[in-house]
Amino acid sequence: MRFNLPMNFTRSLFLVSTFAAVFSTVGCGKSAVEEYCEAKCACELCSDPALDACVIETERLRNTAETNGCAEAVDAALSCLHTTAECRSEEYGGGQFETDGCVAEQEAMQQCVSS
């Protein structure tokens, strides 16, 4: 027996599976976006609303890049930040999340989402 699903349902299912693949998890069930924002906020002692804002903004950048056909630029930047960014402590309070090792990747990402 064959089921004929409505085209909208099939398209929605495709979009959901694509979205899930794009934000595939790394580590303990967290997306690359969440891992980046959590590392940044752990360093800079962000509030929960600031962490949420980071995730929303970074996902917005990723979606814009996908629309522009250059999502790999954001993925490369997030991958670089995940492996090379570091927290430089300050004497009082939080640290500074240094991303100097990912300048080229961040510039490519910025160019991608600006076009």
N, C-alpha and C. Protein backbone atom coordinates (compact mmCIF):
# COMPACT_ATOMS: atom_id res chain seq x y z
N MET A 1 0.84 -1.17 0.00
CA MET A 1 0.00 0.00 0.00
C MET A 1 0.89 1.24 0.00
N ARG A 2 0.60 2.18 -0.83
CA ARG A 2 1.40 3.40 -0.96
C ARG A 2 0.60 4.59 -0.46
N PHE A 3 1.26 5.43 0.33
CA PHE A 3 0.62 6.63 0.85
C PHE A 3 1.06 7.82 0.03
N ASN A 4 0.13 8.63 -0.36
CA ASN A 4 0.46 9.87 -1.07
C ASN A 4 0.34 11.01 -0.07
N LEU A 5 1.47 11.55 0.30
CA LEU A 5 1.48 12.65 1.26
C LEU A 5 1.33 13.97 0.52
N PRO A 6 0.65 14.92 1.12
CA PRO A 6 0.53 16.23 0.49
C PRO A 6 1.92 16.85 0.31
N MET A 7 2.09 17.61 -0.75
CA MET A 7 3.38 18.22 -1.07
C MET A 7 3.86 19.12 0.07
N ASN A 8 2.96 19.87 0.71
CA ASN A 8 3.38 20.75 1.81
C ASN A 8 3.95 19.95 2.97
N PHE A 9 3.35 18.80 3.27
CA PHE A 9 3.86 17.96 4.34
C PHE A 9 5.25 17.44 4.00
N THR A 10 5.41 16.97 2.78
CA THR A 10 6.71 16.45 2.34
C THR A 10 7.77 17.54 2.39
N ARG A 11 7.42 18.73 1.91
CA ARG A 11 8.36 19.85 1.92
C ARG A 11 8.71 20.22 3.36
N SER A 12 7.72 20.26 4.25
CA SER A 12 7.98 20.59 5.65
C SER A 12 8.89 19.56 6.30
N LEU A 13 8.64 18.29 6.00
CA LEU A 13 9.48 17.23 6.54
C LEU A 13 10.92 17.38 6.05
N PHE A 14 11.08 17.72 4.78
CA PHE A 14 12.41 17.94 4.21
C PHE A 14 13.10 19.11 4.92
N LEU A 15 12.38 20.21 5.12
CA LEU A 15 12.98 21.38 5.77
C LEU A 15 13.38 21.08 7.21
N VAL A 16 12.53 20.34 7.92
CA VAL A 16 12.86 19.99 9.30
C VAL A 16 14.11 19.12 9.35
N SER A 17 14.19 18.12 8.46
CA SER A 17 15.36 17.25 8.46
C SER A 17 16.61 18.01 8.03
N THR A 18 16.47 18.95 7.09
CA THR A 18 17.61 19.77 6.68
C THR A 18 18.07 20.64 7.84
N PHE A 19 17.13 21.27 8.54
CA PHE A 19 17.47 22.11 9.68
C PHE A 19 18.20 21.29 10.74
N ALA A 20 17.70 20.09 10.99
CA ALA A 20 18.34 19.23 11.99
C ALA A 20 19.76 18.87 11.58
N ALA A 21 19.97 18.63 10.30
CA ALA A 21 21.31 18.29 9.81
C ALA A 21 22.25 19.48 9.91
N VAL A 22 21.74 20.67 9.59
CA VAL A 22 22.58 21.87 9.63
C VAL A 22 23.05 22.15 11.05
N PHE A 23 22.16 21.97 12.00
CA PHE A 23 22.53 22.23 13.39
C PHE A 23 22.81 20.92 14.12
N SER A 24 23.51 20.04 13.42
CA SER A 24 23.85 18.75 14.03
C SER A 24 24.65 19.00 15.29
N THR A 25 24.51 18.12 16.19
CA THR A 25 25.11 18.33 17.50
C THR A 25 26.56 17.92 17.53
N VAL A 26 27.28 18.61 18.39
CA VAL A 26 28.67 18.28 18.66
C VAL A 26 28.76 18.08 20.16
N GLY A 27 29.37 17.03 20.58
CA GLY A 27 29.54 16.83 22.01
C GLY A 27 28.26 16.37 22.68
N CYS A 28 27.87 17.05 23.74
CA CYS A 28 26.77 16.60 24.59
C CYS A 28 25.41 17.08 24.10
N GLY A 29 25.10 16.87 22.85
CA GLY A 29 23.79 17.23 22.35
C GLY A 29 23.59 18.71 22.09
N LYS A 30 24.65 19.47 21.96
CA LYS A 30 24.54 20.90 21.72
C LYS A 30 25.02 21.23 20.32
N SER A 31 24.40 22.23 19.72
CA SER A 31 24.82 22.66 18.40
C SER A 31 26.13 23.45 18.51
N ALA A 32 26.79 23.63 17.38
CA ALA A 32 28.02 24.43 17.35
C ALA A 32 27.73 25.85 17.82
N VAL A 33 26.57 26.37 17.48
CA VAL A 33 26.17 27.72 17.90
C VAL A 33 26.08 27.77 19.42
N GLU A 34 25.39 26.80 20.02
CA GLU A 34 25.26 26.78 21.48
C GLU A 34 26.60 26.62 22.16
N GLU A 35 27.45 25.76 21.63
CA GLU A 35 28.77 25.56 22.24
C GLU A 35 29.60 26.84 22.19
N TYR A 36 29.57 27.54 21.05
CA TYR A 36 30.30 28.81 20.92
C TYR A 36 29.78 29.82 21.95
N CYS A 37 28.47 30.01 22.00
CA CYS A 37 27.90 31.01 22.90
C CYS A 37 28.13 30.65 24.37
N GLU A 38 28.05 29.37 24.70
CA GLU A 38 28.30 28.97 26.08
C GLU A 38 29.75 29.20 26.48
N ALA A 39 30.69 28.92 25.57
CA ALA A 39 32.10 29.17 25.87
C ALA A 39 32.36 30.66 26.05
N LYS A 40 31.80 31.47 25.15
CA LYS A 40 31.96 32.92 25.22
C LYS A 40 31.38 33.46 26.53
N CYS A 41 30.19 33.00 26.87
CA CYS A 41 29.53 33.50 28.08
C CYS A 41 30.16 32.96 29.36
N ALA A 42 30.71 31.77 29.31
CA ALA A 42 31.42 31.26 30.49
C ALA A 42 32.63 32.12 30.77
N CYS A 43 33.28 32.58 29.73
CA CYS A 43 34.45 33.44 29.87
C CYS A 43 34.07 34.84 30.35
N GLU A 44 33.07 35.41 29.68
CA GLU A 44 32.70 36.81 29.94
C GLU A 44 31.65 36.97 31.03
N LEU A 45 31.27 35.85 31.66
CA LEU A 45 30.27 35.85 32.74
C LEU A 45 28.95 36.48 32.30
N CYS A 46 28.45 36.06 31.14
CA CYS A 46 27.19 36.57 30.60
C CYS A 46 26.01 36.16 31.47
N SER A 47 24.98 36.95 31.42
CA SER A 47 23.71 36.58 32.05
C SER A 47 22.99 35.58 31.13
N ASP A 48 21.98 34.93 31.64
CA ASP A 48 21.19 34.01 30.81
C ASP A 48 20.57 34.71 29.61
N PRO A 49 20.00 35.93 29.79
CA PRO A 49 19.46 36.62 28.61
C PRO A 49 20.54 36.95 27.57
N ALA A 50 21.75 37.25 28.02
CA ALA A 50 22.84 37.53 27.07
C ALA A 50 23.24 36.26 26.33
N LEU A 51 23.23 35.13 27.02
CA LEU A 51 23.52 33.85 26.36
C LEU A 51 22.46 33.55 25.31
N ASP A 52 21.19 33.74 25.67
CA ASP A 52 20.10 33.51 24.72
C ASP A 52 20.23 34.43 23.51
N ALA A 53 20.59 35.70 23.75
CA ALA A 53 20.76 36.66 22.65
C ALA A 53 21.90 36.24 21.73
N CYS A 54 22.98 35.72 22.30
CA CYS A 54 24.11 35.24 21.51
C CYS A 54 23.66 34.10 20.59
N VAL A 55 22.92 33.14 21.14
CA VAL A 55 22.45 32.01 20.35
C VAL A 55 21.53 32.49 19.23
N ILE A 56 20.59 33.37 19.56
CA ILE A 56 19.65 33.88 18.55
C ILE A 56 20.39 34.62 17.45
N GLU A 57 21.31 35.49 17.80
CA GLU A 57 22.05 36.28 16.81
C GLU A 57 22.94 35.38 15.94
N THR A 58 23.60 34.43 16.55
CA THR A 58 24.49 33.55 15.79
C THR A 58 23.68 32.64 14.86
N GLU A 59 22.53 32.16 15.32
CA GLU A 59 21.67 31.37 14.44
C GLU A 59 21.12 32.22 13.30
N ARG A 60 20.83 33.50 13.59
CA ARG A 60 20.37 34.41 12.53
C ARG A 60 21.45 34.58 11.47
N LEU A 61 22.71 34.74 11.91
CA LEU A 61 23.82 34.83 10.96
C LEU A 61 23.92 33.56 10.12
N ARG A 62 23.77 32.41 10.77
CA ARG A 62 23.85 31.13 10.06
C ARG A 62 22.74 31.01 9.03
N ASN A 63 21.53 31.43 9.39
CA ASN A 63 20.40 31.38 8.46
C ASN A 63 20.60 32.33 7.29
N THR A 64 21.12 33.53 7.56
CA THR A 64 21.41 34.48 6.49
C THR A 64 22.46 33.92 5.55
N ALA A 65 23.48 33.31 6.10
CA ALA A 65 24.53 32.70 5.28
C ALA A 65 23.97 31.58 4.42
N GLU A 66 23.08 30.80 4.99
CA GLU A 66 22.46 29.72 4.22
C GLU A 66 21.64 30.29 3.07
N THR A 67 20.89 31.35 3.34
CA THR A 67 20.11 32.01 2.30
C THR A 67 21.02 32.56 1.20
N ASN A 68 22.18 33.08 1.60
CA ASN A 68 23.13 33.65 0.64
C ASN A 68 23.96 32.58 -0.07
N GLY A 69 23.79 31.33 0.32
CA GLY A 69 24.51 30.25 -0.33
C GLY A 69 25.95 30.07 0.14
N CYS A 70 26.25 30.56 1.33
CA CYS A 70 27.63 30.46 1.81
C CYS A 70 27.67 30.05 3.29
N ALA A 71 26.81 29.15 3.68
CA ALA A 71 26.74 28.69 5.07
C ALA A 71 28.06 28.10 5.55
N GLU A 72 28.84 27.58 4.61
CA GLU A 72 30.12 26.99 5.01
C GLU A 72 31.05 28.02 5.64
N ALA A 73 30.87 29.30 5.32
CA ALA A 73 31.70 30.35 5.92
C ALA A 73 31.41 30.47 7.42
N VAL A 74 30.15 30.40 7.79
CA VAL A 74 29.79 30.46 9.21
C VAL A 74 30.24 29.19 9.91
N ASP A 75 30.04 28.05 9.26
CA ASP A 75 30.47 26.78 9.85
C ASP A 75 31.98 26.78 10.10
N ALA A 76 32.75 27.32 9.13
CA ALA A 76 34.21 27.38 9.29
C ALA A 76 34.59 28.29 10.44
N ALA A 77 33.91 29.43 10.56
CA ALA A 77 34.20 30.36 11.66
C ALA A 77 33.88 29.71 13.01
N LEU A 78 32.73 29.07 13.11
CA LEU A 78 32.36 28.41 14.37
C LEU A 78 33.33 27.29 14.71
N SER A 79 33.74 26.54 13.72
CA SER A 79 34.70 25.45 13.94
C SER A 79 36.03 26.01 14.44
N CYS A 80 36.49 27.08 13.80
CA CYS A 80 37.74 27.71 14.21
C CYS A 80 37.63 28.24 15.64
N LEU A 81 36.54 28.94 15.93
CA LEU A 81 36.35 29.50 17.26
C LEU A 81 36.29 28.39 18.31
N HIS A 82 35.67 27.28 17.96
CA HIS A 82 35.57 26.16 18.90
C HIS A 82 36.95 25.61 19.26
N THR A 83 37.86 25.61 18.29
CA THR A 83 39.17 25.00 18.54
C THR A 83 40.25 25.98 18.96
N THR A 84 40.12 27.28 18.62
CA THR A 84 41.23 28.20 18.91
C THR A 84 40.91 29.36 19.83
N ALA A 85 39.64 29.71 20.00
CA ALA A 85 39.32 30.85 20.87
C ALA A 85 39.71 30.51 22.31
N GLU A 86 40.12 31.54 23.04
CA GLU A 86 40.51 31.30 24.42
C GLU A 86 40.04 32.43 25.32
N CYS A 87 39.90 32.09 26.57
CA CYS A 87 39.46 33.07 27.56
C CYS A 87 40.70 33.62 28.25
N ARG A 88 40.89 34.89 28.12
CA ARG A 88 42.01 35.55 28.81
C ARG A 88 41.44 36.24 30.04
N SER A 89 41.84 35.75 31.17
CA SER A 89 41.30 36.25 32.44
C SER A 89 41.69 37.69 32.67
N GLU A 90 40.78 38.37 33.34
CA GLU A 90 41.07 39.72 33.81
C GLU A 90 41.07 39.66 35.33
N GLU A 91 41.72 40.62 35.93
CA GLU A 91 41.88 40.57 37.38
C GLU A 91 40.55 40.56 38.12
N TYR A 92 39.59 41.36 37.66
CA TYR A 92 38.31 41.45 38.35
C TYR A 92 37.20 40.94 37.44
N GLY A 93 36.45 39.97 37.91
CA GLY A 93 35.30 39.50 37.15
C GLY A 93 35.67 38.63 35.98
N GLY A 94 34.87 38.73 34.93
CA GLY A 94 35.00 37.88 33.76
C GLY A 94 36.23 38.18 32.93
N GLY A 95 36.45 37.31 31.98
CA GLY A 95 37.59 37.45 31.09
C GLY A 95 37.21 38.02 29.75
N GLN A 96 38.17 38.00 28.85
CA GLN A 96 37.97 38.48 27.49
C GLN A 96 38.05 37.27 26.57
N PHE A 97 37.02 37.03 25.77
CA PHE A 97 36.99 35.90 24.85
C PHE A 97 37.75 36.29 23.60
N GLU A 98 38.97 35.79 23.47
CA GLU A 98 39.85 36.17 22.37
C GLU A 98 39.67 35.25 21.17
N THR A 99 39.47 35.88 20.01
CA THR A 99 39.22 35.13 18.78
C THR A 99 40.25 35.47 17.71
N ASP A 100 41.43 35.92 18.13
CA ASP A 100 42.47 36.36 17.19
C ASP A 100 42.87 35.30 16.19
N GLY A 101 42.79 34.03 16.56
CA GLY A 101 43.22 32.95 15.68
C GLY A 101 42.25 32.67 14.54
N CYS A 102 41.13 33.37 14.50
CA CYS A 102 40.09 33.09 13.50
C CYS A 102 39.73 34.31 12.67
N VAL A 103 40.66 35.23 12.50
CA VAL A 103 40.37 36.48 11.80
C VAL A 103 39.91 36.21 10.37
N ALA A 104 40.62 35.38 9.63
CA ALA A 104 40.26 35.11 8.23
C ALA A 104 38.87 34.49 8.13
N GLU A 105 38.57 33.54 9.01
CA GLU A 105 37.27 32.88 9.00
C GLU A 105 36.15 33.86 9.35
N GLN A 106 36.42 34.74 10.32
CA GLN A 106 35.41 35.71 10.72
C GLN A 106 35.17 36.74 9.61
N GLU A 107 36.24 37.13 8.91
CA GLU A 107 36.08 38.07 7.79
C GLU A 107 35.27 37.43 6.66
N ALA A 108 35.54 36.16 6.37
CA ALA A 108 34.78 35.45 5.33
C ALA A 108 33.31 35.34 5.72
N MET A 109 33.05 35.08 6.99
CA MET A 109 31.68 35.00 7.48
C MET A 109 30.99 36.35 7.34
N GLN A 110 31.68 37.41 7.73
CA GLN A 110 31.11 38.75 7.65
C GLN A 110 30.80 39.12 6.21
N GLN A 111 31.70 38.81 5.29
CA GLN A 111 31.49 39.09 3.87
C GLN A 111 30.28 38.30 3.37
N CYS A 112 30.16 37.07 3.80
CA CYS A 112 29.05 36.21 3.38
C CYS A 112 27.71 36.79 3.81
N VAL A 113 27.57 37.16 5.06
CA VAL A 113 26.27 37.62 5.56
C VAL A 113 25.97 39.06 5.16
N SER A 114 26.99 39.78 4.69
CA SER A 114 26.78 41.17 4.26
C SER A 114 26.35 41.27 2.81
N SER A 115 26.55 40.19 2.04
CA SER A 115 26.24 40.28 0.61
C SER A 115 24.79 40.02 0.32
